[in-house]
Amino acid sequence: MIAEQSKLTQLLKQRALELGFCDIKIAKSVRLDEEEENLSKWLLQKAHGEMGYLANHFEIRLDPKRLVEDAKTVICLAFNYYPEKVALSQDGTFKIARYAYGEDYHDILRKKLKELLQFLVENSTNLNGRVFVDSAPIMERVWAKKAGLGWVGKNTLLINPKKGSYFFLSEIVIDQKLDYDEIPIKDHCGTCTRCIDACPTDAISPNGYWLDGSKCISYLTIELKNEIPKNFEGKMEEWIFGCDICQEVCPWNRFSMPHKESDFLPKAALNNFTKKDWIELTQETFQQIFEKSAIKRTKYQGLMRNIQFAEKK
């Protein structure tokens, strides 16, 4: 069956929800001219730290047509990862970001996105496209805001007034038109400065909306390959992989609801981990527990570096 544009849009959104996505909005593919200056300033200020890949493919980041020939549509999707309960909840233990509790979201979402793209191919004529989950130079928060999934908050994360911010973003770029949403959601951060005040490394600028990635705990514990600078000693607040502080204090996350994705549930062993278990973690145990986890990205040596640094007061 070949569906006409509006019908295909409706069917796509229905299928996305069936696959577990919590929201989907659609934007027209254009060059992001308004973001060029912001991206340039951020890179010139070295706010990306050692993440050299963020300085590459500058033009590709601004223009989806560089990713998919004759791109006409950017489909923006959100997938909830908010857990029913916080893992590692024992007092005094180390902490990992909630998104890393279960299996690596890249693998889970890529499979769902490919299924959605195949659905589009089967219901249209000569459609071409690509799926993206942190896998290419695409400005996902900019596109999500443009499509109408939320606003970019003072902590630089996308926030939805009904869902908070605990969700993954992903995209499908295609060379055919769909019905576009693009109804902007007003910035509701107002005078709130909780995320700015709570960040122990002062990664968020005093006025918000600007993140120095080289100071962010998530960067320091995941992206940074060298030793963590000494000036961050005593500021990690027990975080050893990623950080949720600016989301934990955000009042909009009172609307977050537990996810229903079984693959995002933590392994039983992880729920019961104590600080002693982390400190005495062997490479063999690391491989067993984190075989399919995003935490494997740090490798064993990187995680142990984080643990040892978080112990410094």
C-alpha atoms as a PDB file:
ATOM      1  CA  MET A   1       0.000   0.000   0.000  1.00  0.00           C
ATOM      2  CA  ILE A   2       1.313   3.433  -0.927  1.00  0.00           C
ATOM      3  CA  ALA A   3      -0.043   6.039   1.505  1.00  0.00           C
ATOM      4  CA  GLU A   4      -0.505   9.695   0.619  1.00  0.00           C
ATOM      5  CA  GLN A   5       1.471  12.267   2.622  1.00  0.00           C
ATOM      6  CA  SER A   6      -0.978  13.057   5.463  1.00  0.00           C
ATOM      7  CA  LYS A   7      -1.990   9.439   5.875  1.00  0.00           C
ATOM      8  CA  LEU A   8       1.648   8.315   5.918  1.00  0.00           C
ATOM      9  CA  THR A   9       2.447  10.929   8.557  1.00  0.00           C
ATOM     10  CA  GLN A  10      -0.396   9.675  10.717  1.00  0.00           C
ATOM     11  CA  LEU A  11       0.599   6.033  10.276  1.00  0.00           C
ATOM     12  CA  LEU A  12       4.239   6.827  11.077  1.00  0.00           C
ATOM     13  CA  LYS A  13       3.347   8.553  14.332  1.00  0.00           C
ATOM     14  CA  GLN A  14       1.109   5.690  15.351  1.00  0.00           C
ATOM     15  CA  ARG A  15       3.834   3.135  14.587  1.00  0.00           C
ATOM     16  CA  ALA A  16       6.427   5.148  16.518  1.00  0.00           C
ATOM     17  CA  LEU A  17       4.254   5.086  19.644  1.00  0.00           C
ATOM     18  CA  GLU A  18       3.690   1.349  19.197  1.00  0.00           C
ATOM     19  CA  LEU A  19       7.459   0.862  19.177  1.00  0.00           C
ATOM     20  CA  GLY A  20       7.730   2.639  22.514  1.00  0.00           C
ATOM     21  CA  PHE A  21       8.701   6.186  21.576  1.00  0.00           C
ATOM     22  CA  CYS A  22       7.037   8.697  23.890  1.00  0.00           C
ATOM     23  CA  ASP A  23       6.807  11.478  21.320  1.00  0.00           C
ATOM     24  CA  ILE A  24       7.414  12.230  17.648  1.00  0.00           C
ATOM     25  CA  LYS A  25       7.441  15.561  15.808  1.00  0.00           C
ATOM     26  CA  ILE A  26       8.346  16.373  12.230  1.00  0.00           C
ATOM     27  CA  ALA A  27      10.287  19.313  10.789  1.00  0.00           C
ATOM     28  CA  LYS A  28      11.110  20.556   7.327  1.00  0.00           C
ATOM     29  CA  SER A  29      14.718  19.977   6.348  1.00  0.00           C
ATOM     30  CA  VAL A  30      16.552  23.307   5.999  1.00  0.00           C
ATOM     31  CA  ARG A  31      20.063  24.579   6.610  1.00  0.00           C
ATOM     32  CA  LEU A  32      20.327  25.759  10.220  1.00  0.00           C
ATOM     33  CA  ASP A  33      21.609  29.225   9.383  1.00  0.00           C
ATOM     34  CA  GLU A  34      20.613  30.637  12.774  1.00  0.00           C
ATOM     35  CA  GLU A  35      22.802  28.072  14.579  1.00  0.00           C
ATOM     36  CA  GLU A  36      25.990  28.729  12.629  1.00  0.00           C
ATOM     37  CA  GLU A  37      27.174  31.580  14.870  1.00  0.00           C
ATOM     38  CA  ASN A  38      26.318  29.743  18.104  1.00  0.00           C
ATOM     39  CA  LEU A  39      28.178  26.622  17.031  1.00  0.00           C
ATOM     40  CA  SER A  40      31.202  28.647  15.928  1.00  0.00           C
ATOM     41  CA  LYS A  41      31.399  30.490  19.266  1.00  0.00           C
ATOM     42  CA  TRP A  42      31.049  27.293  21.273  1.00  0.00           C
ATOM     43  CA  LEU A  43      33.880  25.635  19.362  1.00  0.00           C
ATOM     44  CA  LEU A  44      36.130  28.724  19.454  1.00  0.00           C
ATOM     45  CA  GLN A  45      35.793  28.826  23.238  1.00  0.00           C
ATOM     46  CA  LYS A  46      36.992  25.193  23.385  1.00  0.00           C
ATOM     47  CA  ALA A  47      33.822  24.266  25.274  1.00  0.00           C
ATOM     48  CA  HIS A  48      33.980  20.846  23.603  1.00  0.00           C
ATOM     49  CA  GLY A  49      37.180  19.935  25.469  1.00  0.00           C
ATOM     50  CA  GLU A  50      38.876  16.876  23.980  1.00  0.00           C
ATOM     51  CA  MET A  51      35.797  15.981  21.921  1.00  0.00           C
ATOM     52  CA  GLY A  52      37.586  16.866  18.717  1.00  0.00           C
ATOM     53  CA  TYR A  53      34.945  15.152  16.601  1.00  0.00           C
ATOM     54  CA  LEU A  54      32.532  17.985  17.441  1.00  0.00           C
ATOM     55  CA  ALA A  55      34.740  20.401  15.523  1.00  0.00           C
ATOM     56  CA  ASN A  56      34.671  18.182  12.449  1.00  0.00           C
ATOM     57  CA  HIS A  57      32.059  18.265   9.674  1.00  0.00           C
ATOM     58  CA  PHE A  58      30.923  21.792  10.554  1.00  0.00           C
ATOM     59  CA  GLU A  59      28.835  22.245   7.416  1.00  0.00           C
ATOM     60  CA  ILE A  60      27.287  18.779   7.703  1.00  0.00           C
ATOM     61  CA  ARG A  61      26.001  19.660  11.195  1.00  0.00           C
ATOM     62  CA  LEU A  62      24.139  22.613   9.761  1.00  0.00           C
ATOM     63  CA  ASP A  63      22.620  21.005   6.654  1.00  0.00           C
ATOM     64  CA  PRO A  64      20.749  17.651   6.590  1.00  0.00           C
ATOM     65  CA  LYS A  65      21.195  17.556   2.815  1.00  0.00           C
ATOM     66  CA  ARG A  66      24.812  16.710   3.526  1.00  0.00           C
ATOM     67  CA  LEU A  67      23.602  13.604   5.349  1.00  0.00           C
ATOM     68  CA  VAL A  68      20.812  12.519   2.991  1.00  0.00           C
ATOM     69  CA  GLU A  69      20.776  13.693  -0.594  1.00  0.00           C
ATOM     70  CA  ASP A  70      17.832  16.015  -1.280  1.00  0.00           C
ATOM     71  CA  ALA A  71      16.657  15.711   2.335  1.00  0.00           C
ATOM     72  CA  LYS A  72      13.193  17.170   2.819  1.00  0.00           C
ATOM     73  CA  THR A  73      12.151  15.980   6.260  1.00  0.00           C
ATOM     74  CA  VAL A  74      13.698  15.525   9.710  1.00  0.00           C
ATOM     75  CA  ILE A  75      11.664  13.198  11.920  1.00  0.00           C
ATOM     76  CA  CYS A  76      12.472  13.841  15.596  1.00  0.00           C
ATOM     77  CA  LEU A  77      11.707  11.216  18.207  1.00  0.00           C
ATOM     78  CA  ALA A  78      11.875  11.022  21.997  1.00  0.00           C
ATOM     79  CA  PHE A  79      12.240   7.816  24.020  1.00  0.00           C
ATOM     80  CA  ASN A  80      11.694   7.867  27.788  1.00  0.00           C
ATOM     81  CA  TYR A  81      14.379   6.326  30.018  1.00  0.00           C
ATOM     82  CA  TYR A  82      13.253   7.557  33.441  1.00  0.00           C
ATOM     83  CA  PRO A  83      13.520   4.582  35.843  1.00  0.00           C
ATOM     84  CA  GLU A  84      10.864   3.523  38.311  1.00  0.00           C
ATOM     85  CA  LYS A  85      13.453   3.672  41.075  1.00  0.00           C
ATOM     86  CA  VAL A  86      17.007   4.898  41.381  1.00  0.00           C
ATOM     87  CA  ALA A  87      19.575   2.113  41.141  1.00  0.00           C
ATOM     88  CA  LEU A  88      22.575   2.220  43.474  1.00  0.00           C
ATOM     89  CA  SER A  89      20.341   3.815  46.066  1.00  0.00           C
ATOM     90  CA  GLN A  90      22.399   2.802  49.101  1.00  0.00           C
ATOM     91  CA  ASP A  91      23.749   5.787  50.991  1.00  0.00           C
ATOM     92  CA  GLY A  92      27.364   6.511  50.281  1.00  0.00           C
ATOM     93  CA  THR A  93      27.727   4.451  47.119  1.00  0.00           C
ATOM     94  CA  PHE A  94      28.879   5.666  43.711  1.00  0.00           C
ATOM     95  CA  LYS A  95      26.386   6.876  41.125  1.00  0.00           C
ATOM     96  CA  ILE A  96      25.884   6.395  37.388  1.00  0.00           C
ATOM     97  CA  ALA A  97      23.570   8.353  35.096  1.00  0.00           C
ATOM     98  CA  ARG A  98      20.095   6.897  34.803  1.00  0.00           C
ATOM     99  CA  TYR A  99      20.387   6.451  31.041  1.00  0.00           C
ATOM    100  CA  ALA A 100      23.127   3.864  31.619  1.00  0.00           C
ATOM    101  CA  TYR A 101      21.196   1.567  33.968  1.00  0.00           C
ATOM    102  CA  GLY A 102      20.294  -0.990  31.325  1.00  0.00           C
ATOM    103  CA  GLU A 103      21.489  -1.970  27.874  1.00  0.00           C
ATOM    104  CA  ASP A 104      23.134   0.551  25.561  1.00  0.00           C
ATOM    105  CA  TYR A 105      20.393   2.802  24.195  1.00  0.00           C
ATOM    106  CA  HIS A 106      22.243   3.212  20.897  1.00  0.00           C
ATOM    107  CA  ASP A 107      21.602  -0.431  20.049  1.00  0.00           C
ATOM    108  CA  ILE A 108      18.010  -0.482  21.303  1.00  0.00           C
ATOM    109  CA  LEU A 109      16.904   2.695  19.539  1.00  0.00           C
ATOM    110  CA  ARG A 110      18.784   2.037  16.300  1.00  0.00           C
ATOM    111  CA  LYS A 111      16.837  -1.190  15.884  1.00  0.00           C
ATOM    112  CA  LYS A 112      13.520   0.618  16.439  1.00  0.00           C
ATOM    113  CA  LEU A 113      14.486   3.459  14.097  1.00  0.00           C
ATOM    114  CA  LYS A 114      15.427   1.056  11.320  1.00  0.00           C
ATOM    115  CA  GLU A 115      12.039  -0.588  11.715  1.00  0.00           C
ATOM    116  CA  LEU A 116      10.369   2.825  11.376  1.00  0.00           C
ATOM    117  CA  LEU A 117      12.406   3.672   8.289  1.00  0.00           C
ATOM    118  CA  GLN A 118      11.493   0.338   6.721  1.00  0.00           C
ATOM    119  CA  PHE A 119       7.853   1.103   7.489  1.00  0.00           C
ATOM    120  CA  LEU A 120       8.198   4.376   5.568  1.00  0.00           C
ATOM    121  CA  VAL A 121       9.897   2.667   2.625  1.00  0.00           C
ATOM    122  CA  GLU A 122       7.150   0.059   2.394  1.00  0.00           C
ATOM    123  CA  ASN A 123       4.415   2.691   2.462  1.00  0.00           C
ATOM    124  CA  SER A 124       5.847   5.151  -0.062  1.00  0.00           C
ATOM    125  CA  THR A 125       7.591   5.251  -3.438  1.00  0.00           C
ATOM    126  CA  ASN A 126      11.381   5.425  -3.827  1.00  0.00           C
ATOM    127  CA  LEU A 127      11.941   6.832  -0.357  1.00  0.00           C
ATOM    128  CA  ASN A 128      15.506   7.066   0.913  1.00  0.00           C
ATOM    129  CA  GLY A 129      16.679   7.975   4.396  1.00  0.00           C
ATOM    130  CA  ARG A 130      19.030   7.412   7.311  1.00  0.00           C
ATOM    131  CA  VAL A 131      18.563   6.920  11.042  1.00  0.00           C
ATOM    132  CA  PHE A 132      20.610   8.700  13.697  1.00  0.00           C
ATOM    133  CA  VAL A 133      21.247   7.954  17.383  1.00  0.00           C
ATOM    134  CA  ASP A 134      24.313  10.019  18.317  1.00  0.00           C
ATOM    135  CA  SER A 135      25.821   8.430  15.235  1.00  0.00           C
ATOM    136  CA  ALA A 136      26.441  11.363  12.899  1.00  0.00           C
ATOM    137  CA  PRO A 137      27.006  15.123  13.018  1.00  0.00           C
ATOM    138  CA  ILE A 138      23.401  16.204  13.482  1.00  0.00           C
ATOM    139  CA  MET A 139      22.269  18.880  15.950  1.00  0.00           C
ATOM    140  CA  GLU A 140      19.584  16.834  17.635  1.00  0.00           C
ATOM    141  CA  ARG A 141      18.425  19.316  20.273  1.00  0.00           C
ATOM    142  CA  VAL A 142      18.140  22.090  17.708  1.00  0.00           C
ATOM    143  CA  TRP A 143      16.022  19.870  15.469  1.00  0.00           C
ATOM    144  CA  ALA A 144      13.923  18.607  18.378  1.00  0.00           C
ATOM    145  CA  LYS A 145      13.183  22.195  19.417  1.00  0.00           C
ATOM    146  CA  LYS A 146      12.418  23.196  15.828  1.00  0.00           C
ATOM    147  CA  ALA A 147      10.063  20.240  15.376  1.00  0.00           C
ATOM    148  CA  GLY A 148       8.208  21.042  18.610  1.00  0.00           C
ATOM    149  CA  LEU A 149       9.380  18.369  21.058  1.00  0.00           C
ATOM    150  CA  GLY A 150      10.317  20.915  23.719  1.00  0.00           C
ATOM    151  CA  TRP A 151      12.532  23.869  24.562  1.00  0.00           C
ATOM    152  CA  VAL A 152      16.257  23.921  25.263  1.00  0.00           C
ATOM    153  CA  GLY A 153      16.582  24.733  28.942  1.00  0.00           C
ATOM    154  CA  LYS A 154      19.182  26.606  30.945  1.00  0.00           C
ATOM    155  CA  ASN A 155      20.999  23.287  31.469  1.00  0.00           C
ATOM    156  CA  THR A 156      21.111  23.007  27.620  1.00  0.00           C
ATOM    157  CA  LEU A 157      18.965  19.859  27.676  1.00  0.00           C
ATOM    158  CA  LEU A 158      15.661  19.554  25.848  1.00  0.00           C
ATOM    159  CA  ILE A 159      12.724  19.897  28.238  1.00  0.00           C
ATOM    160  CA  ASN A 160       9.112  18.994  27.559  1.00  0.00           C
ATOM    161  CA  PRO A 161       6.455  20.574  29.807  1.00  0.00           C
ATOM    162  CA  LYS A 162       4.596  17.259  30.160  1.00  0.00           C
ATOM    163  CA  LYS A 163       7.518  14.803  30.184  1.00  0.00           C
ATOM    164  CA  GLY A 164      10.495  16.559  31.733  1.00  0.00           C
ATOM    165  CA  SER A 165      13.909  15.805  30.218  1.00  0.00           C
ATOM    166  CA  TYR A 166      14.706  12.143  30.890  1.00  0.00           C
ATOM    167  CA  PHE A 167      14.394  10.982  27.292  1.00  0.00           C
ATOM    168  CA  PHE A 168      16.710  10.103  24.435  1.00  0.00           C
ATOM    169  CA  LEU A 169      16.568  12.019  21.182  1.00  0.00           C
ATOM    170  CA  SER A 170      16.944  10.396  17.760  1.00  0.00           C
ATOM    171  CA  GLU A 171      16.200  11.282  14.164  1.00  0.00           C
ATOM    172  CA  ILE A 172      15.252   9.909  10.770  1.00  0.00           C
ATOM    173  CA  VAL A 173      16.128  12.091   7.779  1.00  0.00           C
ATOM    174  CA  ILE A 174      14.280  11.275   4.544  1.00  0.00           C
ATOM    175  CA  ASP A 175      14.094  12.670   1.020  1.00  0.00           C
ATOM    176  CA  GLN A 176      10.300  12.942   0.908  1.00  0.00           C
ATOM    177  CA  LYS A 177       7.851  15.374   2.441  1.00  0.00           C
ATOM    178  CA  LEU A 178       5.591  14.627   5.390  1.00  0.00           C
ATOM    179  CA  ASP A 179       3.217  16.893   7.283  1.00  0.00           C
ATOM    180  CA  TYR A 180       5.357  19.191   9.420  1.00  0.00           C
ATOM    181  CA  ASP A 181       4.604  20.067  13.042  1.00  0.00           C
ATOM    182  CA  GLU A 182       7.004  22.877  13.958  1.00  0.00           C
ATOM    183  CA  ILE A 183       4.779  24.361  16.647  1.00  0.00           C
ATOM    184  CA  PRO A 184       7.318  25.920  19.038  1.00  0.00           C
ATOM    185  CA  ILE A 185       7.086  25.221  22.763  1.00  0.00           C
ATOM    186  CA  LYS A 186       7.698  28.320  24.860  1.00  0.00           C
ATOM    187  CA  ASP A 187      10.732  28.419  27.145  1.00  0.00           C
ATOM    188  CA  HIS A 188       9.409  27.840  30.656  1.00  0.00           C
ATOM    189  CA  CYS A 189      12.685  28.065  32.605  1.00  0.00           C
ATOM    190  CA  GLY A 190      11.756  31.567  33.727  1.00  0.00           C
ATOM    191  CA  THR A 191      13.837  32.877  36.636  1.00  0.00           C
ATOM    192  CA  CYS A 192      14.714  29.386  37.908  1.00  0.00           C
ATOM    193  CA  THR A 193      18.455  28.782  38.414  1.00  0.00           C
ATOM    194  CA  ARG A 194      18.380  25.409  40.165  1.00  0.00           C
ATOM    195  CA  CYS A 195      20.477  23.621  37.551  1.00  0.00           C
ATOM    196  CA  ILE A 196      23.050  26.433  37.512  1.00  0.00           C
ATOM    197  CA  ASP A 197      23.271  26.537  41.308  1.00  0.00           C
ATOM    198  CA  ALA A 198      23.477  22.754  41.701  1.00  0.00           C
ATOM    199  CA  CYS A 199      26.241  22.023  39.187  1.00  0.00           C
ATOM    200  CA  PRO A 200      29.310  21.290  41.352  1.00  0.00           C
ATOM    201  CA  THR A 201      31.815  22.042  38.567  1.00  0.00           C
ATOM    202  CA  ASP A 202      30.188  25.283  37.350  1.00  0.00           C
ATOM    203  CA  ALA A 203      29.795  23.843  33.862  1.00  0.00           C
ATOM    204  CA  ILE A 204      26.643  25.874  33.181  1.00  0.00           C
ATOM    205  CA  SER A 205      27.168  29.596  32.602  1.00  0.00           C
ATOM    206  CA  PRO A 206      25.718  31.998  35.234  1.00  0.00           C
ATOM    207  CA  ASN A 207      22.877  32.965  32.894  1.00  0.00           C
ATOM    208  CA  GLY A 208      22.275  29.434  31.642  1.00  0.00           C
ATOM    209  CA  TYR A 209      21.809  28.174  28.086  1.00  0.00           C
ATOM    210  CA  TRP A 210      25.567  27.661  27.705  1.00  0.00           C
ATOM    211  CA  LEU A 211      27.474  24.578  28.792  1.00  0.00           C
ATOM    212  CA  ASP A 212      31.249  24.348  29.029  1.00  0.00           C
ATOM    213  CA  GLY A 213      31.489  20.685  28.093  1.00  0.00           C
ATOM    214  CA  SER A 214      35.067  20.496  29.351  1.00  0.00           C
ATOM    215  CA  LYS A 215      33.788  21.087  32.919  1.00  0.00           C
ATOM    216  CA  CYS A 216      30.758  18.778  32.791  1.00  0.00           C
ATOM    217  CA  ILE A 217      30.946  15.653  34.970  1.00  0.00           C
ATOM    218  CA  SER A 218      29.528  13.593  32.101  1.00  0.00           C
ATOM    219  CA  TYR A 219      32.416  14.742  29.912  1.00  0.00           C
ATOM    220  CA  LEU A 220      35.007  14.193  32.644  1.00  0.00           C
ATOM    221  CA  THR A 221      33.842  10.637  33.352  1.00  0.00           C
ATOM    222  CA  ILE A 222      33.092   9.479  29.798  1.00  0.00           C
ATOM    223  CA  GLU A 223      34.609  11.573  27.007  1.00  0.00           C
ATOM    224  CA  LEU A 224      37.863  12.639  28.656  1.00  0.00           C
ATOM    225  CA  LYS A 225      40.546  10.053  27.918  1.00  0.00           C
ATOM    226  CA  ASN A 226      43.392  11.676  29.861  1.00  0.00           C
ATOM    227  CA  GLU A 227      43.574  12.136  33.605  1.00  0.00           C
ATOM    228  CA  ILE A 228      40.832  14.211  35.226  1.00  0.00           C
ATOM    229  CA  PRO A 229      42.305  17.640  36.166  1.00  0.00           C
ATOM    230  CA  LYS A 230      43.108  18.056  39.850  1.00  0.00           C
ATOM    231  CA  ASN A 231      40.939  21.164  40.158  1.00  0.00           C
ATOM    232  CA  PHE A 232      37.880  18.885  40.006  1.00  0.00           C
ATOM    233  CA  GLU A 233      38.910  16.889  43.092  1.00  0.00           C
ATOM    234  CA  GLY A 234      36.138  16.830  45.668  1.00  0.00           C
ATOM    235  CA  LYS A 235      33.539  18.033  43.145  1.00  0.00           C
ATOM    236  CA  MET A 236      32.377  14.774  41.568  1.00  0.00           C
ATOM    237  CA  GLU A 237      29.721  14.053  44.241  1.00  0.00           C
ATOM    238  CA  GLU A 238      30.177  10.274  43.795  1.00  0.00           C
ATOM    239  CA  TRP A 239      29.366  10.287  40.053  1.00  0.00           C
ATOM    240  CA  ILE A 240      31.556   7.792  38.180  1.00  0.00           C
ATOM    241  CA  PHE A 241      29.719   7.564  34.840  1.00  0.00           C
ATOM    242  CA  GLY A 242      27.739  10.519  33.604  1.00  0.00           C
ATOM    243  CA  CYS A 243      25.731  12.824  35.844  1.00  0.00           C
ATOM    244  CA  ASP A 244      22.053  13.636  36.450  1.00  0.00           C
ATOM    245  CA  ILE A 245      22.387  16.573  38.847  1.00  0.00           C
ATOM    246  CA  CYS A 246      20.971  19.255  36.538  1.00  0.00           C
ATOM    247  CA  GLN A 247      18.024  16.984  35.760  1.00  0.00           C
ATOM    248  CA  GLU A 248      17.434  15.904  39.358  1.00  0.00           C
ATOM    249  CA  VAL A 249      16.938  19.494  40.476  1.00  0.00           C
ATOM    250  CA  CYS A 250      14.857  20.570  37.463  1.00  0.00           C
ATOM    251  CA  PRO A 251      11.253  21.162  38.604  1.00  0.00           C
ATOM    252  CA  TRP A 252       9.912  20.021  35.232  1.00  0.00           C
ATOM    253  CA  ASN A 253      11.068  16.478  35.948  1.00  0.00           C
ATOM    254  CA  ARG A 254       8.304  16.123  38.504  1.00  0.00           C
ATOM    255  CA  PHE A 255       6.279  15.146  35.435  1.00  0.00           C
ATOM    256  CA  SER A 256       8.648  12.309  34.468  1.00  0.00           C
ATOM    257  CA  MET A 257       6.956   8.910  34.358  1.00  0.00           C
ATOM    258  CA  PRO A 258       8.698   5.508  34.589  1.00  0.00           C
ATOM    259  CA  HIS A 259       9.647   3.981  31.256  1.00  0.00           C
ATOM    260  CA  LYS A 260       8.267   0.653  30.030  1.00  0.00           C
ATOM    261  CA  GLU A 261      11.347  -0.607  28.172  1.00  0.00           C
ATOM    262  CA  SER A 262      12.579  -3.850  29.749  1.00  0.00           C
ATOM    263  CA  ASP A 263      16.002  -3.484  28.106  1.00  0.00           C
ATOM    264  CA  PHE A 264      16.607  -0.333  30.153  1.00  0.00           C
ATOM    265  CA  LEU A 265      16.179  -2.105  33.500  1.00  0.00           C
ATOM    266  CA  PRO A 266      19.395  -2.491  35.518  1.00  0.00           C
ATOM    267  CA  LYS A 267      20.824  -5.926  36.167  1.00  0.00           C
ATOM    268  CA  ALA A 268      20.080  -7.250  39.639  1.00  0.00           C
ATOM    269  CA  ALA A 269      23.769  -7.225  40.531  1.00  0.00           C
ATOM    270  CA  LEU A 270      24.006  -3.521  39.757  1.00  0.00           C
ATOM    271  CA  ASN A 271      21.087  -2.680  42.034  1.00  0.00           C
ATOM    272  CA  ASN A 272      22.973  -4.093  44.999  1.00  0.00           C
ATOM    273  CA  PHE A 273      26.410  -2.634  44.260  1.00  0.00           C
ATOM    274  CA  THR A 274      28.092  -1.015  47.244  1.00  0.00           C
ATOM    275  CA  LYS A 275      31.012   1.380  47.198  1.00  0.00           C
ATOM    276  CA  LYS A 276      33.247  -1.545  48.200  1.00  0.00           C
ATOM    277  CA  ASP A 277      32.013  -3.552  45.204  1.00  0.00           C
ATOM    278  CA  TRP A 278      32.939  -0.707  42.868  1.00  0.00           C
ATOM    279  CA  ILE A 279      36.385  -0.188  44.373  1.00  0.00           C
ATOM    280  CA  GLU A 280      37.157  -3.922  44.186  1.00  0.00           C
ATOM    281  CA  LEU A 281      35.640  -4.379  40.714  1.00  0.00           C
ATOM    282  CA  THR A 282      37.676  -6.764  38.564  1.00  0.00           C
ATOM    283  CA  GLN A 283      37.964  -6.640  34.799  1.00  0.00           C
ATOM    284  CA  GLU A 284      36.173  -9.973  34.575  1.00  0.00           C
ATOM    285  CA  THR A 285      33.189  -8.724  36.589  1.00  0.00           C
ATOM    286  CA  PHE A 286      33.180  -5.508  34.562  1.00  0.00           C
ATOM    287  CA  GLN A 287      32.893  -7.513  31.336  1.00  0.00           C
ATOM    288  CA  GLN A 288      30.080  -9.668  32.749  1.00  0.00           C
ATOM    289  CA  ILE A 289      27.892  -6.899  34.186  1.00  0.00           C
ATOM    290  CA  PHE A 290      28.431  -4.240  31.530  1.00  0.00           C
ATOM    291  CA  GLU A 291      28.645  -6.443  28.435  1.00  0.00           C
ATOM    292  CA  LYS A 292      25.714  -4.667  26.726  1.00  0.00           C
ATOM    293  CA  SER A 293      25.854  -1.434  28.701  1.00  0.00           C
ATOM    294  CA  ALA A 294      26.840   2.069  27.609  1.00  0.00           C
ATOM    295  CA  ILE A 295      29.294   1.955  30.522  1.00  0.00           C
ATOM    296  CA  LYS A 296      31.582  -0.266  28.467  1.00  0.00           C
ATOM    297  CA  ARG A 297      32.456   2.886  26.542  1.00  0.00           C
ATOM    298  CA  THR A 298      34.812   3.988  29.323  1.00  0.00           C
ATOM    299  CA  LYS A 299      36.518   0.587  29.305  1.00  0.00           C
ATOM    300  CA  TYR A 300      37.566  -0.969  32.608  1.00  0.00           C
ATOM    301  CA  GLN A 301      40.576   1.306  33.050  1.00  0.00           C
ATOM    302  CA  GLY A 302      38.495   4.427  32.511  1.00  0.00           C
ATOM    303  CA  LEU A 303      35.854   3.402  35.033  1.00  0.00           C
ATOM    304  CA  MET A 304      38.477   2.599  37.640  1.00  0.00           C
ATOM    305  CA  ARG A 305      40.079   6.005  37.012  1.00  0.00           C
ATOM    306  CA  ASN A 306      36.700   7.623  37.701  1.00  0.00           C
ATOM    307  CA  ILE A 307      36.191   5.583  40.876  1.00  0.00           C
ATOM    308  CA  GLN A 308      39.623   6.466  42.233  1.00  0.00           C
ATOM    309  CA  PHE A 309      39.157  10.153  41.397  1.00  0.00           C
ATOM    310  CA  ALA A 310      35.682  10.292  42.964  1.00  0.00           C
ATOM    311  CA  GLU A 311      37.251   9.024  46.200  1.00  0.00           C
ATOM    312  CA  LYS A 312      39.532  12.051  46.415  1.00  0.00           C
ATOM    313  CA  LYS A 313      38.265  14.736  48.763  1.00  0.00           C
END
